[in-house]
């Protein structure tokens, strides 16, 4: 019998600083583009990020990824300095092992 590998997921809570309102779709596309630039097509397929939520009023959101990919995701997010012609900065507020804890501890 083959061993079963559990996929441990982590929830990355982030905040977007920008003078302009951005949609969750724009931010997710920018993150995926940054991952592709940094790690190539293979990295893009390996980092399976899933958007959980994005609040446009507070510019805060949550992404889900595998626990092995947290530092790669954080690096890709840190490299984003503009989306289109708009200057932005994405900062990671924290990482949690459960969605409820992520919402409770980090979202305002």
N, C-alpha and C. Protein backbone atom coordinates (compact mmCIF):
# COMPACT_ATOMS: atom_id res chain seq x y z
N UNK A 1 0.85 -1.18 0.00
CA UNK A 1 0.00 0.00 0.00
C UNK A 1 0.89 1.24 0.00
N UNK A 2 0.57 2.20 -0.86
CA UNK A 2 1.38 3.42 -0.96
C UNK A 2 1.03 4.37 0.17
N UNK A 3 2.03 5.09 0.67
CA UNK A 3 1.75 6.05 1.74
C UNK A 3 0.93 7.23 1.20
N UNK A 4 0.06 7.71 2.02
CA UNK A 4 -0.78 8.85 1.65
C UNK A 4 -0.11 10.12 2.17
N UNK A 5 0.12 11.07 1.29
CA UNK A 5 0.72 12.33 1.69
C UNK A 5 -0.39 13.35 1.89
N UNK A 6 -0.47 13.86 3.08
CA UNK A 6 -1.47 14.87 3.35
C UNK A 6 -1.02 16.21 2.81
N UNK A 7 -1.93 16.92 2.22
CA UNK A 7 -1.64 18.26 1.73
C UNK A 7 -2.00 19.22 2.84
N UNK A 8 -0.97 19.83 3.39
CA UNK A 8 -1.21 20.81 4.45
C UNK A 8 -1.36 22.17 3.79
N UNK A 9 -2.49 22.76 3.99
CA UNK A 9 -2.76 24.05 3.37
C UNK A 9 -2.51 25.18 4.35
N UNK A 10 -2.15 26.32 3.80
CA UNK A 10 -1.96 27.51 4.60
C UNK A 10 -2.75 28.65 3.95
N UNK A 11 -3.18 29.56 4.79
CA UNK A 11 -3.94 30.71 4.35
C UNK A 11 -3.08 31.95 4.53
N UNK A 12 -2.81 32.64 3.43
CA UNK A 12 -1.95 33.82 3.43
C UNK A 12 -2.85 35.05 3.40
N UNK A 13 -2.75 35.87 4.44
CA UNK A 13 -3.55 37.07 4.56
C UNK A 13 -2.70 38.24 4.09
N UNK A 14 -3.23 39.04 3.18
CA UNK A 14 -2.43 40.13 2.61
C UNK A 14 -3.23 41.43 2.56
N UNK A 15 -2.49 42.52 2.44
CA UNK A 15 -3.07 43.85 2.33
C UNK A 15 -2.45 44.54 1.12
N UNK A 16 -3.27 45.21 0.32
CA UNK A 16 -2.80 45.91 -0.87
C UNK A 16 -2.84 47.41 -0.60
N UNK A 17 -1.70 48.06 -0.77
CA UNK A 17 -1.63 49.51 -0.66
C UNK A 17 -1.61 50.10 -2.06
N UNK A 18 -2.57 50.98 -2.34
CA UNK A 18 -2.64 51.62 -3.65
C UNK A 18 -3.51 52.86 -3.53
N UNK A 19 -3.22 53.83 -4.36
CA UNK A 19 -4.06 55.03 -4.40
C UNK A 19 -5.34 54.79 -5.19
N UNK A 20 -5.40 53.70 -5.91
CA UNK A 20 -6.54 53.36 -6.76
C UNK A 20 -7.23 52.11 -6.24
N UNK A 21 -8.52 52.02 -6.50
CA UNK A 21 -9.25 50.81 -6.14
C UNK A 21 -8.93 49.72 -7.15
N UNK A 22 -8.62 48.55 -6.64
CA UNK A 22 -8.30 47.40 -7.48
C UNK A 22 -9.25 46.27 -7.16
N UNK A 23 -9.58 45.50 -8.17
CA UNK A 23 -10.46 44.34 -7.95
C UNK A 23 -9.62 43.14 -7.54
N UNK A 24 -10.27 42.18 -6.93
CA UNK A 24 -9.61 40.94 -6.57
C UNK A 24 -9.05 40.23 -7.78
N UNK A 25 -9.76 40.30 -8.89
CA UNK A 25 -9.31 39.66 -10.14
C UNK A 25 -8.00 40.28 -10.63
N UNK A 26 -7.90 41.61 -10.59
CA UNK A 26 -6.67 42.28 -11.01
C UNK A 26 -5.48 41.86 -10.14
N UNK A 27 -5.72 41.77 -8.85
CA UNK A 27 -4.64 41.41 -7.92
C UNK A 27 -4.22 39.97 -8.13
N UNK A 28 -5.18 39.06 -8.29
CA UNK A 28 -4.86 37.66 -8.52
C UNK A 28 -4.08 37.49 -9.83
N UNK A 29 -4.47 38.20 -10.87
CA UNK A 29 -3.75 38.12 -12.14
C UNK A 29 -2.32 38.63 -11.99
N UNK A 30 -2.14 39.71 -11.21
CA UNK A 30 -0.80 40.25 -10.99
C UNK A 30 0.06 39.27 -10.20
N UNK A 31 -0.52 38.61 -9.22
CA UNK A 31 0.22 37.62 -8.42
C UNK A 31 0.62 36.44 -9.30
N UNK A 32 -0.30 35.95 -10.11
CA UNK A 32 0.02 34.83 -11.00
C UNK A 32 1.08 35.22 -12.03
N UNK A 33 1.01 36.44 -12.53
CA UNK A 33 2.01 36.92 -13.49
C UNK A 33 3.38 36.99 -12.81
N UNK A 34 3.42 37.48 -11.59
CA UNK A 34 4.67 37.57 -10.85
C UNK A 34 5.27 36.18 -10.59
N UNK A 35 4.42 35.22 -10.25
CA UNK A 35 4.88 33.84 -10.05
C UNK A 35 5.47 33.30 -11.35
N UNK A 36 4.81 33.57 -12.47
CA UNK A 36 5.29 33.11 -13.77
C UNK A 36 6.63 33.72 -14.13
N UNK A 37 6.81 35.01 -13.83
CA UNK A 37 8.08 35.67 -14.12
C UNK A 37 9.19 35.11 -13.23
N UNK A 38 8.88 34.92 -11.97
CA UNK A 38 9.88 34.48 -11.00
C UNK A 38 10.24 33.01 -11.13
N UNK A 39 9.24 32.15 -11.36
CA UNK A 39 9.46 30.70 -11.35
C UNK A 39 9.16 30.01 -12.67
N UNK A 40 8.68 30.72 -13.66
CA UNK A 40 8.40 30.14 -14.96
C UNK A 40 7.08 29.36 -14.98
N UNK A 41 6.84 28.71 -16.10
CA UNK A 41 5.60 27.94 -16.28
C UNK A 41 5.51 26.79 -15.28
N UNK A 42 6.64 26.15 -15.01
CA UNK A 42 6.63 25.05 -14.06
C UNK A 42 6.24 25.54 -12.67
N UNK A 43 6.80 26.65 -12.26
CA UNK A 43 6.46 27.22 -10.96
C UNK A 43 5.02 27.64 -10.89
N UNK A 44 4.51 28.17 -11.98
CA UNK A 44 3.11 28.60 -12.02
C UNK A 44 2.18 27.40 -11.86
N UNK A 45 2.54 26.28 -12.45
CA UNK A 45 1.69 25.09 -12.29
C UNK A 45 1.87 24.45 -10.92
N UNK A 46 3.07 24.59 -10.34
CA UNK A 46 3.35 23.99 -9.03
C UNK A 46 2.68 24.76 -7.90
N UNK A 47 2.72 26.08 -7.96
CA UNK A 47 2.10 26.90 -6.91
C UNK A 47 0.61 27.00 -7.20
N UNK A 48 -0.14 26.16 -6.58
CA UNK A 48 -1.59 26.16 -6.80
C UNK A 48 -2.23 27.09 -5.77
N UNK A 49 -2.31 28.35 -6.13
CA UNK A 49 -2.93 29.29 -5.21
C UNK A 49 -4.42 29.37 -5.51
N UNK A 50 -5.19 29.49 -4.46
CA UNK A 50 -6.64 29.59 -4.59
C UNK A 50 -7.10 30.85 -3.88
N UNK A 51 -7.78 31.75 -4.58
CA UNK A 51 -8.31 32.93 -3.90
C UNK A 51 -9.48 32.54 -3.00
N UNK A 52 -9.44 32.99 -1.77
CA UNK A 52 -10.52 32.70 -0.83
C UNK A 52 -11.45 33.89 -0.73
N UNK A 53 -10.89 35.06 -0.47
CA UNK A 53 -11.72 36.26 -0.45
C UNK A 53 -10.85 37.48 -0.64
N UNK A 54 -11.48 38.57 -1.12
CA UNK A 54 -10.83 39.86 -1.22
C UNK A 54 -11.88 40.92 -0.95
N UNK A 55 -11.61 41.75 0.05
CA UNK A 55 -12.51 42.85 0.41
C UNK A 55 -11.98 44.13 -0.23
N UNK A 56 -12.69 44.64 -1.21
CA UNK A 56 -12.22 45.83 -1.93
C UNK A 56 -12.24 47.08 -1.07
N UNK A 57 -13.10 47.13 -0.07
CA UNK A 57 -13.14 48.31 0.81
C UNK A 57 -11.88 48.41 1.66
N UNK A 58 -11.45 47.31 2.25
CA UNK A 58 -10.28 47.33 3.11
C UNK A 58 -9.00 46.94 2.37
N UNK A 59 -9.13 46.48 1.13
CA UNK A 59 -8.01 46.01 0.32
C UNK A 59 -7.25 44.88 0.99
N UNK A 60 -7.98 44.01 1.66
CA UNK A 60 -7.38 42.85 2.31
C UNK A 60 -7.95 41.58 1.70
N UNK A 61 -7.13 40.55 1.68
CA UNK A 61 -7.59 39.30 1.10
C UNK A 61 -6.90 38.10 1.69
N UNK A 62 -7.38 36.93 1.28
CA UNK A 62 -6.82 35.66 1.73
C UNK A 62 -6.63 34.76 0.51
N UNK A 63 -5.45 34.15 0.43
CA UNK A 63 -5.14 33.16 -0.58
C UNK A 63 -4.82 31.85 0.12
N UNK A 64 -5.16 30.74 -0.50
CA UNK A 64 -4.80 29.43 0.04
C UNK A 64 -3.70 28.84 -0.83
N UNK A 65 -2.72 28.21 -0.19
CA UNK A 65 -1.66 27.52 -0.92
C UNK A 65 -1.17 26.34 -0.08
N UNK A 66 -0.33 25.51 -0.66
CA UNK A 66 0.28 24.42 0.10
C UNK A 66 1.34 24.99 1.03
N UNK A 67 1.57 24.31 2.14
CA UNK A 67 2.51 24.85 3.12
C UNK A 67 3.93 24.94 2.58
N UNK A 68 4.29 24.11 1.61
CA UNK A 68 5.63 24.16 1.03
C UNK A 68 5.84 25.38 0.13
N UNK A 69 4.76 26.02 -0.29
CA UNK A 69 4.85 27.10 -1.26
C UNK A 69 4.73 28.50 -0.65
N UNK A 70 4.66 28.61 0.65
CA UNK A 70 4.44 29.91 1.28
C UNK A 70 5.53 30.91 0.93
N UNK A 71 6.78 30.51 1.03
CA UNK A 71 7.87 31.47 0.80
C UNK A 71 7.96 31.86 -0.66
N UNK A 72 7.65 30.96 -1.57
CA UNK A 72 7.64 31.32 -2.99
C UNK A 72 6.51 32.30 -3.28
N UNK A 73 5.34 32.07 -2.69
CA UNK A 73 4.22 32.98 -2.87
C UNK A 73 4.53 34.35 -2.29
N UNK A 74 5.11 34.37 -1.10
CA UNK A 74 5.48 35.65 -0.47
C UNK A 74 6.48 36.42 -1.32
N UNK A 75 7.45 35.72 -1.90
CA UNK A 75 8.45 36.37 -2.75
C UNK A 75 7.79 36.97 -3.99
N UNK A 76 6.90 36.22 -4.61
CA UNK A 76 6.22 36.71 -5.81
C UNK A 76 5.35 37.93 -5.48
N UNK A 77 4.70 37.91 -4.32
CA UNK A 77 3.86 39.04 -3.92
C UNK A 77 4.71 40.27 -3.61
N UNK A 78 5.87 40.07 -3.02
CA UNK A 78 6.74 41.19 -2.65
C UNK A 78 7.30 41.90 -3.88
N UNK A 79 7.41 41.19 -5.00
CA UNK A 79 7.97 41.79 -6.21
C UNK A 79 6.99 42.65 -6.98
N UNK A 80 5.73 42.60 -6.64
CA UNK A 80 4.72 43.37 -7.37
C UNK A 80 4.80 44.83 -6.91
N UNK A 81 5.08 45.72 -7.87
CA UNK A 81 5.11 47.14 -7.52
C UNK A 81 4.16 47.98 -8.37
N UNK A 82 3.56 47.34 -9.35
CA UNK A 82 2.52 48.03 -10.11
C UNK A 82 1.62 47.03 -10.79
N UNK A 83 0.37 47.45 -10.95
CA UNK A 83 -0.62 46.67 -11.68
C UNK A 83 -1.15 47.60 -12.76
N UNK A 84 -0.85 47.26 -14.00
CA UNK A 84 -1.14 48.18 -15.09
C UNK A 84 -0.22 49.38 -14.94
N UNK A 85 -0.80 50.55 -14.91
CA UNK A 85 0.00 51.77 -14.72
C UNK A 85 -0.11 52.29 -13.29
N UNK A 86 -0.77 51.51 -12.43
CA UNK A 86 -0.99 51.96 -11.05
C UNK A 86 0.05 51.36 -10.11
N UNK A 87 0.64 52.19 -9.28
CA UNK A 87 1.63 51.74 -8.31
C UNK A 87 0.91 51.05 -7.14
N UNK A 88 1.44 49.90 -6.74
CA UNK A 88 0.86 49.15 -5.63
C UNK A 88 1.97 48.53 -4.78
N UNK A 89 1.60 48.12 -3.61
CA UNK A 89 2.47 47.36 -2.73
C UNK A 89 1.60 46.32 -2.04
N UNK A 90 2.04 45.09 -2.04
CA UNK A 90 1.30 44.01 -1.38
C UNK A 90 2.13 43.52 -0.21
N UNK A 91 1.55 43.60 0.97
CA UNK A 91 2.25 43.12 2.16
C UNK A 91 1.48 41.95 2.77
N UNK A 92 2.22 40.97 3.23
CA UNK A 92 1.63 39.80 3.88
C UNK A 92 1.45 40.14 5.35
N UNK A 93 0.22 40.06 5.82
CA UNK A 93 -0.08 40.35 7.22
C UNK A 93 0.15 39.13 8.10
N UNK A 94 0.00 37.94 7.55
CA UNK A 94 0.20 36.74 8.33
C UNK A 94 -0.15 35.49 7.56
N UNK A 95 0.15 34.36 8.18
CA UNK A 95 -0.14 33.05 7.61
C UNK A 95 -0.80 32.23 8.70
N UNK A 96 -1.82 31.48 8.31
CA UNK A 96 -2.54 30.67 9.28
C UNK A 96 -2.80 29.28 8.71
N UNK A 97 -3.00 28.32 9.60
CA UNK A 97 -3.28 26.96 9.18
C UNK A 97 -4.75 26.69 8.95
N UNK A 98 -5.63 27.56 9.48
CA UNK A 98 -7.07 27.39 9.27
C UNK A 98 -7.68 28.70 8.81
N UNK A 99 -8.74 28.59 8.06
CA UNK A 99 -9.40 29.78 7.54
C UNK A 99 -10.05 30.59 8.66
N UNK A 100 -10.67 29.91 9.62
CA UNK A 100 -11.30 30.64 10.73
C UNK A 100 -10.29 31.44 11.53
N UNK A 101 -9.14 30.85 11.81
CA UNK A 101 -8.10 31.57 12.54
C UNK A 101 -7.57 32.74 11.73
N UNK A 102 -7.46 32.56 10.43
CA UNK A 102 -6.98 33.63 9.56
C UNK A 102 -7.93 34.83 9.62
N UNK A 103 -9.21 34.56 9.50
CA UNK A 103 -10.20 35.64 9.56
C UNK A 103 -10.20 36.31 10.91
N UNK A 104 -10.15 35.52 11.95
CA UNK A 104 -10.23 36.04 13.32
C UNK A 104 -9.02 36.89 13.68
N UNK A 105 -7.83 36.45 13.32
CA UNK A 105 -6.61 37.11 13.77
C UNK A 105 -6.18 38.28 12.90
N UNK A 106 -6.42 38.21 11.60
CA UNK A 106 -5.77 39.17 10.73
C UNK A 106 -6.67 40.15 10.00
N UNK A 107 -7.91 39.79 9.75
CA UNK A 107 -8.75 40.69 8.97
C UNK A 107 -9.37 41.74 9.89
N UNK A 108 -9.37 42.97 9.41
CA UNK A 108 -9.91 44.06 10.23
C UNK A 108 -11.42 44.17 10.12
